[in-house]
Full PDB file with SEQRES, HELIX, SHEET, SSBOND, CRYST1, ORIGX, SCALE, CONECT and MASTER records, all heavy atoms in Angstrom:
SEQRES   1 A   38  VAL MET ALA ASN SER ALA GLU LYS VAL ARG LEU ALA GLY          
SEQRES   2 A   38  ASN GLN ASN VAL MET VAL CYS GLU ARG GLY THR MET PHE          
SEQRES   3 A   38  GLY TYR ASN ASP LEU ILE VAL ASP PRO ARG ASN PHE              
HELIX    1 AA1 MET A    2  LEU A   11  1                                  10    
HELIX    2 AA2 PRO A   35  ASN A   37  5                                   3    
CRYST1    1.000    1.000    1.000  90.00  90.00  90.00 P 1           1          
ORIGX1      1.000000  0.000000  0.000000        0.00000                         
ORIGX2      0.000000  1.000000  0.000000        0.00000                         
ORIGX3      0.000000  0.000000  1.000000        0.00000                         
SCALE1      1.000000  0.000000  0.000000        0.00000                         
SCALE2      0.000000  1.000000  0.000000        0.00000                         
SCALE3      0.000000  0.000000  1.000000        0.00000                         
ATOM      1  N   VAL A   1      82.435 172.173  34.697  1.00  0.00           N  
ATOM      2  CA  VAL A   1      83.504 172.269  35.660  1.00  0.00           C  
ATOM      3  C   VAL A   1      83.027 171.967  37.071  1.00  0.00           C  
ATOM      4  O   VAL A   1      83.795 171.560  37.909  1.00  0.00           O  
ATOM      5  CB  VAL A   1      84.165 173.738  35.547  1.00  0.00           C  
ATOM      6  CG1 VAL A   1      85.114 173.961  36.696  1.00  0.00           C  
ATOM      7  CG2 VAL A   1      84.865 173.828  34.227  1.00  0.00           C  
ATOM      8  N   MET A   2      81.782 172.334  37.381  1.00  0.00           N  
ATOM      9  CA  MET A   2      81.223 172.217  38.831  1.00  0.00           C  
ATOM     10  C   MET A   2      81.225 170.811  39.200  1.00  0.00           C  
ATOM     11  O   MET A   2      81.275 170.515  40.421  1.00  0.00           O  
ATOM     12  CB  MET A   2      79.974 172.902  38.871  1.00  0.00           C  
ATOM     13  CG  MET A   2      79.988 174.377  38.548  1.00  0.00           C  
ATOM     14  SD  MET A   2      81.325 175.223  39.347  1.00  0.00           S  
ATOM     15  CE  MET A   2      80.762 175.163  41.058  1.00  0.00           C  
ATOM     16  N   ALA A   3      81.052 169.832  38.243  1.00  0.00           N  
ATOM     17  CA  ALA A   3      81.113 168.428  38.631  1.00  0.00           C  
ATOM     18  C   ALA A   3      82.453 168.107  39.266  1.00  0.00           C  
ATOM     19  O   ALA A   3      82.526 167.319  40.227  1.00  0.00           O  
ATOM     20  CB  ALA A   3      80.790 167.506  37.425  1.00  0.00           C  
ATOM     21  N   ASN A   4      83.533 168.556  38.699  1.00  0.00           N  
ATOM     22  CA  ASN A   4      84.896 168.269  39.095  1.00  0.00           C  
ATOM     23  C   ASN A   4      85.077 168.936  40.464  1.00  0.00           C  
ATOM     24  O   ASN A   4      85.704 168.402  41.379  1.00  0.00           O  
ATOM     25  CB  ASN A   4      85.872 168.822  38.163  1.00  0.00           C  
ATOM     26  CG  ASN A   4      86.073 167.995  36.826  1.00  0.00           C  
ATOM     27  OD1 ASN A   4      85.286 167.053  36.769  1.00  0.00           O  
ATOM     28  ND2 ASN A   4      86.721 168.443  35.935  1.00  0.00           N  
ATOM     29  N   SER A   5      84.601 170.223  40.634  1.00  0.00           N  
ATOM     30  CA  SER A   5      84.809 170.974  41.919  1.00  0.00           C  
ATOM     31  C   SER A   5      84.035 170.158  43.099  1.00  0.00           C  
ATOM     32  O   SER A   5      84.569 170.027  44.167  1.00  0.00           O  
ATOM     33  CB  SER A   5      84.286 172.406  41.840  1.00  0.00           C  
ATOM     34  OG  SER A   5      85.101 173.060  40.932  1.00  0.00           O  
ATOM     35  N   ALA A   6      82.842 169.819  42.700  1.00  0.00           N  
ATOM     36  CA  ALA A   6      81.996 169.023  43.796  1.00  0.00           C  
ATOM     37  C   ALA A   6      82.705 167.677  44.132  1.00  0.00           C  
ATOM     38  O   ALA A   6      82.713 167.310  45.251  1.00  0.00           O  
ATOM     39  CB  ALA A   6      80.639 168.749  43.295  1.00  0.00           C  
ATOM     40  N   GLU A   7      83.337 167.111  43.170  1.00  0.00           N  
ATOM     41  CA  GLU A   7      83.966 165.777  43.409  1.00  0.00           C  
ATOM     42  C   GLU A   7      85.201 166.049  44.290  1.00  0.00           C  
ATOM     43  O   GLU A   7      85.460 165.037  45.081  1.00  0.00           O  
ATOM     44  CB  GLU A   7      84.372 165.134  42.069  1.00  0.00           C  
ATOM     45  CG  GLU A   7      84.816 163.737  42.159  1.00  0.00           C  
ATOM     46  CD  GLU A   7      83.816 162.754  42.650  1.00  0.00           C  
ATOM     47  OE1 GLU A   7      82.616 163.145  42.746  1.00  0.00           O  
ATOM     48  OE2 GLU A   7      84.213 161.589  43.094  1.00  0.00           O  
ATOM     49  N   LYS A   8      85.914 167.174  44.195  1.00  0.00           N  
ATOM     50  CA  LYS A   8      87.046 167.391  44.995  1.00  0.00           C  
ATOM     51  C   LYS A   8      86.571 167.408  46.456  1.00  0.00           C  
ATOM     52  O   LYS A   8      87.281 166.902  47.354  1.00  0.00           O  
ATOM     53  CB  LYS A   8      87.695 168.706  44.675  1.00  0.00           C  
ATOM     54  CG  LYS A   8      88.388 168.743  43.341  1.00  0.00           C  
ATOM     55  CD  LYS A   8      89.017 170.091  43.012  1.00  0.00           C  
ATOM     56  CE  LYS A   8      89.661 170.091  41.700  1.00  0.00           C  
ATOM     57  NZ  LYS A   8      90.316 171.350  41.304  1.00  0.00           N  
ATOM     58  N   VAL A   9      85.457 167.974  46.763  1.00  0.00           N  
ATOM     59  CA  VAL A   9      84.845 167.923  48.140  1.00  0.00           C  
ATOM     60  C   VAL A   9      84.597 166.649  48.661  1.00  0.00           C  
ATOM     61  O   VAL A   9      84.843 166.234  49.746  1.00  0.00           O  
ATOM     62  CB  VAL A   9      83.617 168.909  48.261  1.00  0.00           C  
ATOM     63  CG1 VAL A   9      82.935 168.824  49.473  1.00  0.00           C  
ATOM     64  CG2 VAL A   9      84.074 170.387  47.859  1.00  0.00           C  
ATOM     65  N   ARG A  10      83.944 165.871  47.708  1.00  0.00           N  
ATOM     66  CA  ARG A  10      83.553 164.427  48.131  1.00  0.00           C  
ATOM     67  C   ARG A  10      84.732 163.550  48.412  1.00  0.00           C  
ATOM     68  O   ARG A  10      84.751 162.809  49.325  1.00  0.00           O  
ATOM     69  CB  ARG A  10      82.653 163.851  47.027  1.00  0.00           C  
ATOM     70  CG  ARG A  10      81.261 164.561  46.840  1.00  0.00           C  
ATOM     71  CD  ARG A  10      80.403 163.757  45.935  1.00  0.00           C  
ATOM     72  NE  ARG A  10      79.217 164.382  45.671  1.00  0.00           N  
ATOM     73  CZ  ARG A  10      78.935 165.055  44.488  1.00  0.00           C  
ATOM     74  NH1 ARG A  10      79.786 165.053  43.437  1.00  0.00           N  
ATOM     75  NH2 ARG A  10      77.710 165.663  44.285  1.00  0.00           N  
ATOM     76  N   LEU A  11      85.782 163.723  47.510  1.00  0.00           N  
ATOM     77  CA  LEU A  11      86.929 162.945  47.668  1.00  0.00           C  
ATOM     78  C   LEU A  11      87.721 163.290  48.976  1.00  0.00           C  
ATOM     79  O   LEU A  11      88.469 162.527  49.498  1.00  0.00           O  
ATOM     80  CB  LEU A  11      87.866 163.055  46.470  1.00  0.00           C  
ATOM     81  CG  LEU A  11      87.396 162.412  45.109  1.00  0.00           C  
ATOM     82  CD1 LEU A  11      88.304 162.736  44.028  1.00  0.00           C  
ATOM     83  CD2 LEU A  11      87.252 160.881  45.402  1.00  0.00           C  
ATOM     84  N   ALA A  12      87.445 164.455  49.539  1.00  0.00           N  
ATOM     85  CA  ALA A  12      88.029 164.937  50.755  1.00  0.00           C  
ATOM     86  C   ALA A  12      87.232 164.351  51.970  1.00  0.00           C  
ATOM     87  O   ALA A  12      87.663 164.658  53.118  1.00  0.00           O  
ATOM     88  CB  ALA A  12      88.172 166.435  50.837  1.00  0.00           C  
ATOM     89  N   GLY A  13      86.164 163.580  51.633  1.00  0.00           N  
ATOM     90  CA  GLY A  13      85.433 162.925  52.693  1.00  0.00           C  
ATOM     91  C   GLY A  13      84.093 163.651  53.111  1.00  0.00           C  
ATOM     92  O   GLY A  13      83.508 163.384  54.187  1.00  0.00           O  
ATOM     93  N   ASN A  14      83.627 164.640  52.336  1.00  0.00           N  
ATOM     94  CA  ASN A  14      82.451 165.386  52.642  1.00  0.00           C  
ATOM     95  C   ASN A  14      81.457 165.258  51.482  1.00  0.00           C  
ATOM     96  O   ASN A  14      81.736 165.704  50.361  1.00  0.00           O  
ATOM     97  CB  ASN A  14      82.818 166.884  52.904  1.00  0.00           C  
ATOM     98  CG  ASN A  14      81.675 167.717  53.474  1.00  0.00           C  
ATOM     99  OD1 ASN A  14      80.532 167.250  53.293  1.00  0.00           O  
ATOM    100  ND2 ASN A  14      82.012 168.731  54.063  1.00  0.00           N  
ATOM    101  N   GLN A  15      80.301 164.626  51.721  1.00  0.00           N  
ATOM    102  CA  GLN A  15      79.316 164.364  50.766  1.00  0.00           C  
ATOM    103  C   GLN A  15      78.304 165.558  50.596  1.00  0.00           C  
ATOM    104  O   GLN A  15      77.493 165.537  49.790  1.00  0.00           O  
ATOM    105  CB  GLN A  15      78.576 163.055  51.026  1.00  0.00           C  
ATOM    106  CG  GLN A  15      79.492 161.858  51.126  1.00  0.00           C  
ATOM    107  CD  GLN A  15      80.281 161.746  49.832  1.00  0.00           C  
ATOM    108  OE1 GLN A  15      79.746 161.620  48.684  1.00  0.00           O  
ATOM    109  NE2 GLN A  15      81.568 161.556  50.017  1.00  0.00           N  
ATOM    110  N   ASN A  16      78.421 166.502  51.599  1.00  0.00           N  
ATOM    111  CA  ASN A  16      77.369 167.579  51.675  1.00  0.00           C  
ATOM    112  C   ASN A  16      77.857 168.817  50.939  1.00  0.00           C  
ATOM    113  O   ASN A  16      78.490 169.661  51.384  1.00  0.00           O  
ATOM    114  CB  ASN A  16      77.107 167.894  53.145  1.00  0.00           C  
ATOM    115  CG  ASN A  16      76.610 166.707  53.881  1.00  0.00           C  
ATOM    116  OD1 ASN A  16      75.933 165.846  53.341  1.00  0.00           O  
ATOM    117  ND2 ASN A  16      76.863 166.614  55.174  1.00  0.00           N  
ATOM    118  N   VAL A  17      77.564 168.784  49.608  1.00  0.00           N  
ATOM    119  CA  VAL A  17      78.068 169.755  48.711  1.00  0.00           C  
ATOM    120  C   VAL A  17      76.893 170.329  47.777  1.00  0.00           C  
ATOM    121  O   VAL A  17      76.063 169.551  47.436  1.00  0.00           O  
ATOM    122  CB  VAL A  17      79.286 169.331  47.935  1.00  0.00           C  
ATOM    123  CG1 VAL A  17      78.965 168.168  47.011  1.00  0.00           C  
ATOM    124  CG2 VAL A  17      79.889 170.489  47.075  1.00  0.00           C  
ATOM    125  N   MET A  18      76.887 171.604  47.478  1.00  0.00           N  
ATOM    126  CA  MET A  18      76.037 172.114  46.503  1.00  0.00           C  
ATOM    127  C   MET A  18      76.712 173.103  45.541  1.00  0.00           C  
ATOM    128  O   MET A  18      77.862 173.526  45.867  1.00  0.00           O  
ATOM    129  CB  MET A  18      74.850 172.843  47.236  1.00  0.00           C  
ATOM    130  CG  MET A  18      75.262 174.025  48.105  1.00  0.00           C  
ATOM    131  SD  MET A  18      73.903 174.844  48.908  1.00  0.00           S  
ATOM    132  CE  MET A  18      73.382 173.626  50.090  1.00  0.00           C  
ATOM    133  N   VAL A  19      76.152 173.440  44.487  1.00  0.00           N  
ATOM    134  CA  VAL A  19      76.789 174.197  43.394  1.00  0.00           C  
ATOM    135  C   VAL A  19      75.903 175.370  43.118  1.00  0.00           C  
ATOM    136  O   VAL A  19      74.579 175.230  43.238  1.00  0.00           O  
ATOM    137  CB  VAL A  19      77.213 173.443  42.101  1.00  0.00           C  
ATOM    138  CG1 VAL A  19      78.294 172.528  42.457  1.00  0.00           C  
ATOM    139  CG2 VAL A  19      76.026 172.820  41.569  1.00  0.00           C  
ATOM    140  N   CYS A  20      76.419 176.479  42.789  1.00  0.00           N  
ATOM    141  CA  CYS A  20      75.701 177.764  42.635  1.00  0.00           C  
ATOM    142  C   CYS A  20      76.059 178.455  41.299  1.00  0.00           C  
ATOM    143  O   CYS A  20      77.170 178.719  41.020  1.00  0.00           O  
ATOM    144  CB  CYS A  20      75.830 178.729  43.788  1.00  0.00           C  
ATOM    145  SG  CYS A  20      74.972 180.237  43.774  1.00  0.00           S  
ATOM    146  N   GLU A  21      74.997 178.792  40.525  1.00  0.00           N  
ATOM    147  CA  GLU A  21      75.173 179.504  39.317  1.00  0.00           C  
ATOM    148  C   GLU A  21      75.046 180.982  39.621  1.00  0.00           C  
ATOM    149  O   GLU A  21      74.221 181.503  40.283  1.00  0.00           O  
ATOM    150  CB  GLU A  21      74.088 179.130  38.260  1.00  0.00           C  
ATOM    151  CG  GLU A  21      73.880 180.107  37.071  1.00  0.00           C  
ATOM    152  CD  GLU A  21      75.099 180.181  36.175  1.00  0.00           C  
ATOM    153  OE1 GLU A  21      75.926 179.162  36.111  1.00  0.00           O  
ATOM    154  OE2 GLU A  21      75.216 181.153  35.436  1.00  0.00           O  
ATOM    155  N   ARG A  22      76.152 181.782  39.092  1.00  0.00           N  
ATOM    156  CA  ARG A  22      76.026 183.218  39.406  1.00  0.00           C  
ATOM    157  C   ARG A  22      76.474 184.084  38.168  1.00  0.00           C  
ATOM    158  O   ARG A  22      76.983 185.147  38.224  1.00  0.00           O  
ATOM    159  CB  ARG A  22      76.981 183.583  40.554  1.00  0.00           C  
ATOM    160  CG  ARG A  22      78.466 183.188  40.446  1.00  0.00           C  
ATOM    161  CD  ARG A  22      79.303 184.267  39.917  1.00  0.00           C  
ATOM    162  NE  ARG A  22      79.546 185.372  40.917  1.00  0.00           N  
ATOM    163  CZ  ARG A  22      79.468 186.639  40.711  1.00  0.00           C  
ATOM    164  NH1 ARG A  22      79.233 187.082  39.508  1.00  0.00           N  
ATOM    165  NH2 ARG A  22      79.699 187.495  41.636  1.00  0.00           N  
ATOM    166  N   GLY A  23      76.120 183.510  36.995  1.00  0.00           N  
ATOM    167  CA  GLY A  23      76.398 184.220  35.717  1.00  0.00           C  
ATOM    168  C   GLY A  23      77.698 183.912  35.062  1.00  0.00           C  
ATOM    169  O   GLY A  23      78.610 183.410  35.661  1.00  0.00           O  
ATOM    170  N   THR A  24      77.753 184.319  33.797  1.00  0.00           N  
ATOM    171  CA  THR A  24      78.898 184.048  32.971  1.00  0.00           C  
ATOM    172  C   THR A  24      79.285 185.319  32.273  1.00  0.00           C  
ATOM    173  O   THR A  24      78.517 186.085  31.791  1.00  0.00           O  
ATOM    174  CB  THR A  24      78.590 182.973  31.878  1.00  0.00           C  
ATOM    175  OG1 THR A  24      78.140 181.797  32.572  1.00  0.00           O  
ATOM    176  CG2 THR A  24      79.830 182.620  31.022  1.00  0.00           C  
ATOM    177  N   MET A  25      80.704 185.657  32.249  1.00  0.00           N  
ATOM    178  CA  MET A  25      81.190 186.860  31.664  1.00  0.00           C  
ATOM    179  C   MET A  25      80.664 186.940  30.187  1.00  0.00           C  
ATOM    180  O   MET A  25      80.751 186.025  29.430  1.00  0.00           O  
ATOM    181  CB  MET A  25      82.742 186.845  31.653  1.00  0.00           C  
ATOM    182  CG  MET A  25      83.306 187.058  33.059  1.00  0.00           C  
ATOM    183  SD  MET A  25      82.732 188.569  33.894  1.00  0.00           S  
ATOM    184  CE  MET A  25      83.322 189.846  32.769  1.00  0.00           C  
ATOM    185  N   PHE A  26      80.252 188.182  29.920  1.00  0.00           N  
ATOM    186  CA  PHE A  26      79.766 188.498  28.551  1.00  0.00           C  
ATOM    187  C   PHE A  26      80.417 189.805  28.086  1.00  0.00           C  
ATOM    188  O   PHE A  26      79.857 190.904  28.397  1.00  0.00           O  
ATOM    189  CB  PHE A  26      78.265 188.603  28.559  1.00  0.00           C  
ATOM    190  CG  PHE A  26      77.560 188.733  27.243  1.00  0.00           C  
ATOM    191  CD1 PHE A  26      77.543 187.609  26.455  1.00  0.00           C  
ATOM    192  CD2 PHE A  26      76.949 189.878  26.863  1.00  0.00           C  
ATOM    193  CE1 PHE A  26      76.920 187.704  25.179  1.00  0.00           C  
ATOM    194  CE2 PHE A  26      76.242 189.909  25.649  1.00  0.00           C  
ATOM    195  CZ  PHE A  26      76.279 188.887  24.748  1.00  0.00           C  
ATOM    196  N   GLY A  27      81.619 189.727  27.551  1.00  0.00           N  
ATOM    197  CA  GLY A  27      82.441 190.885  27.328  1.00  0.00           C  
ATOM    198  C   GLY A  27      83.153 191.260  28.669  1.00  0.00           C  
ATOM    199  O   GLY A  27      83.396 190.420  29.485  1.00  0.00           O  
ATOM    200  N   TYR A  28      83.578 192.511  28.703  1.00  0.00           N  
ATOM    201  CA  TYR A  28      84.383 192.936  29.770  1.00  0.00           C  
ATOM    202  C   TYR A  28      83.676 193.312  31.026  1.00  0.00           C  
ATOM    203  O   TYR A  28      84.114 193.016  32.225  1.00  0.00           O  
ATOM    204  CB  TYR A  28      85.292 194.055  29.384  1.00  0.00           C  
ATOM    205  CG  TYR A  28      86.435 193.696  28.420  1.00  0.00           C  
ATOM    206  CD1 TYR A  28      86.417 194.114  27.141  1.00  0.00           C  
ATOM    207  CD2 TYR A  28      87.459 192.855  28.819  1.00  0.00           C  
ATOM    208  CE1 TYR A  28      87.493 193.812  26.210  1.00  0.00           C  
ATOM    209  CE2 TYR A  28      88.506 192.458  27.973  1.00  0.00           C  
ATOM    210  CZ  TYR A  28      88.488 192.898  26.661  1.00  0.00           C  
ATOM    211  OH  TYR A  28      89.467 192.624  25.801  1.00  0.00           O  
ATOM    212  N   ASN A  29      82.550 193.879  30.900  1.00  0.00           N  
ATOM    213  CA  ASN A  29      81.826 194.476  32.108  1.00  0.00           C  
ATOM    214  C   ASN A  29      80.469 194.018  32.229  1.00  0.00           C  
ATOM    215  O   ASN A  29      79.576 194.805  32.678  1.00  0.00           O  
ATOM    216  CB  ASN A  29      81.880 196.070  32.092  1.00  0.00           C  
ATOM    217  CG  ASN A  29      83.285 196.515  31.946  1.00  0.00           C  
ATOM    218  OD1 ASN A  29      83.698 197.190  30.937  1.00  0.00           O  
ATOM    219  ND2 ASN A  29      84.070 196.296  33.014  1.00  0.00           N  
ATOM    220  N   ASP A  30      80.137 192.820  31.905  1.00  0.00           N  
ATOM    221  CA  ASP A  30      78.791 192.335  32.012  1.00  0.00           C  
ATOM    222  C   ASP A  30      78.730 190.812  32.172  1.00  0.00           C  
ATOM    223  O   ASP A  30      79.704 190.160  31.924  1.00  0.00           O  
ATOM    224  CB  ASP A  30      78.055 192.753  30.683  1.00  0.00           C  
ATOM    225  CG  ASP A  30      76.490 192.709  30.857  1.00  0.00           C  
ATOM    226  OD1 ASP A  30      76.075 192.643  32.134  1.00  0.00           O  
ATOM    227  OD2 ASP A  30      75.850 192.991  29.899  1.00  0.00           O  
ATOM    228  N   LEU A  31      77.678 190.371  32.771  1.00  0.00           N  
ATOM    229  CA  LEU A  31      77.383 188.950  32.936  1.00  0.00           C  
ATOM    230  C   LEU A  31      76.077 188.597  32.256  1.00  0.00           C  
ATOM    231  O   LEU A  31      75.230 189.452  32.052  1.00  0.00           O  
ATOM    232  CB  LEU A  31      77.313 188.622  34.360  1.00  0.00           C  
ATOM    233  CG  LEU A  31      78.518 188.820  35.269  1.00  0.00           C  
ATOM    234  CD1 LEU A  31      78.177 188.793  36.729  1.00  0.00           C  
ATOM    235  CD2 LEU A  31      79.601 187.801  34.967  1.00  0.00           C  
ATOM    236  N   ILE A  32      75.948 187.370  31.808  1.00  0.00           N  
ATOM    237  CA  ILE A  32      74.780 186.887  31.278  1.00  0.00           C  
ATOM    238  C   ILE A  32      74.352 185.564  32.047  1.00  0.00           C  
ATOM    239  O   ILE A  32      75.264 184.734  32.408  1.00  0.00           O  
ATOM    240  CB  ILE A  32      74.850 186.601  29.762  1.00  0.00           C  
ATOM    241  CG1 ILE A  32      73.445 186.413  29.153  1.00  0.00           C  
ATOM    242  CG2 ILE A  32      75.827 185.502  29.452  1.00  0.00           C  
ATOM    243  CD1 ILE A  32      73.433 186.458  27.606  1.00  0.00           C  
ATOM    244  N   VAL A  33      73.069 185.321  32.258  1.00  0.00           N  
ATOM    245  CA  VAL A  33      72.584 184.064  32.906  1.00  0.00           C  
ATOM    246  C   VAL A  33      72.072 183.199  31.837  1.00  0.00           C  
ATOM    247  O   VAL A  33      71.063 183.510  31.091  1.00  0.00           O  
ATOM    248  CB  VAL A  33      71.514 184.395  33.933  1.00  0.00           C  
ATOM    249  CG1 VAL A  33      71.125 183.028  34.582  1.00  0.00           C  
ATOM    250  CG2 VAL A  33      72.110 185.348  34.994  1.00  0.00           C  
ATOM    251  N   ASP A  34      72.664 182.077  31.651  1.00  0.00           N  
ATOM    252  CA  ASP A  34      72.198 181.018  30.708  1.00  0.00           C  
ATOM    253  C   ASP A  34      71.424 179.983  31.452  1.00  0.00           C  
ATOM    254  O   ASP A  34      71.937 179.181  32.155  1.00  0.00           O  
ATOM    255  CB  ASP A  34      73.463 180.363  30.068  1.00  0.00           C  
ATOM    256  CG  ASP A  34      73.142 179.410  28.966  1.00  0.00           C  
ATOM    257  OD1 ASP A  34      71.921 179.035  28.896  1.00  0.00           O  
ATOM    258  OD2 ASP A  34      73.992 178.933  28.273  1.00  0.00           O  
ATOM    259  N   PRO A  35      70.091 179.939  31.227  1.00  0.00           N  
ATOM    260  CA  PRO A  35      69.231 179.075  32.005  1.00  0.00           C  
ATOM    261  C   PRO A  35      69.536 177.546  31.836  1.00  0.00           C  
ATOM    262  O   PRO A  35      69.288 176.700  32.599  1.00  0.00           O  
ATOM    263  CB  PRO A  35      67.834 179.372  31.452  1.00  0.00           C  
ATOM    264  CG  PRO A  35      67.931 180.742  30.899  1.00  0.00           C  
ATOM    265  CD  PRO A  35      69.267 180.847  30.341  1.00  0.00           C  
ATOM    266  N   ARG A  36      70.242 177.310  30.661  1.00  0.00           N  
ATOM    267  CA  ARG A  36      70.619 175.882  30.454  1.00  0.00           C  
ATOM    268  C   ARG A  36      71.591 175.424  31.536  1.00  0.00           C  
ATOM    269  O   ARG A  36      71.618 174.236  31.840  1.00  0.00           O  
ATOM    270  CB  ARG A  36      71.361 175.774  29.035  1.00  0.00           C  
ATOM    271  CG  ARG A  36      70.425 176.062  27.898  1.00  0.00           C  
ATOM    272  CD  ARG A  36      71.155 175.975  26.556  1.00  0.00           C  
ATOM    273  NE  ARG A  36      72.227 176.984  26.540  1.00  0.00           N  
ATOM    274  CZ  ARG A  36      73.116 177.122  25.539  1.00  0.00           C  
ATOM    275  NH1 ARG A  36      73.074 176.306  24.469  1.00  0.00           N  
ATOM    276  NH2 ARG A  36      74.064 178.026  25.518  1.00  0.00           N  
ATOM    277  N   ASN A  37      72.345 176.378  32.144  1.00  0.00           N  
ATOM    278  CA  ASN A  37      73.319 176.003  33.250  1.00  0.00           C  
ATOM    279  C   ASN A  37      72.537 175.381  34.420  1.00  0.00           C  
ATOM    280  O   ASN A  37      73.188 174.507  35.113  1.00  0.00           O  
ATOM    281  CB  ASN A  37      74.078 177.177  33.646  1.00  0.00           C  
ATOM    282  CG  ASN A  37      75.118 177.582  32.558  1.00  0.00           C  
ATOM    283  OD1 ASN A  37      75.319 176.872  31.623  1.00  0.00           O  
ATOM    284  ND2 ASN A  37      75.786 178.746  32.751  1.00  0.00           N  
ATOM    285  N   PHE A  38      71.362 175.803  34.724  1.00  0.00           N  
ATOM    286  CA  PHE A  38      70.569 175.201  35.825  1.00  0.00           C  
ATOM    287  C   PHE A  38      70.422 173.738  35.664  1.00  0.00           C  
ATOM    288  O   PHE A  38      70.370 173.021  36.512  1.00  0.00           O  
ATOM    289  CB  PHE A  38      69.295 175.952  35.988  1.00  0.00           C  
ATOM    290  CG  PHE A  38      69.398 177.468  36.293  1.00  0.00           C  
ATOM    291  CD1 PHE A  38      68.625 178.352  35.592  1.00  0.00           C  
ATOM    292  CD2 PHE A  38      70.332 177.858  37.335  1.00  0.00           C  
ATOM    293  CE1 PHE A  38      68.760 179.717  35.930  1.00  0.00           C  
ATOM    294  CE2 PHE A  38      70.439 179.249  37.538  1.00  0.00           C  
ATOM    295  CZ  PHE A  38      69.590 180.199  36.911  1.00  0.00           C  
TER     296      PHE A  38                                                      
MASTER        0    0    0    2    0    0    0    6  295    1    0    3          
END                                                                             
């Protein structure tokens, strides 16, 4: 999904964009970090 979000910024005329991984929901009250996302 982050490729699409970054592209929205670029299409608005700004090439200076970065993306940040902050975990993925794992059940209701927890997050898990999947290193593959990096």
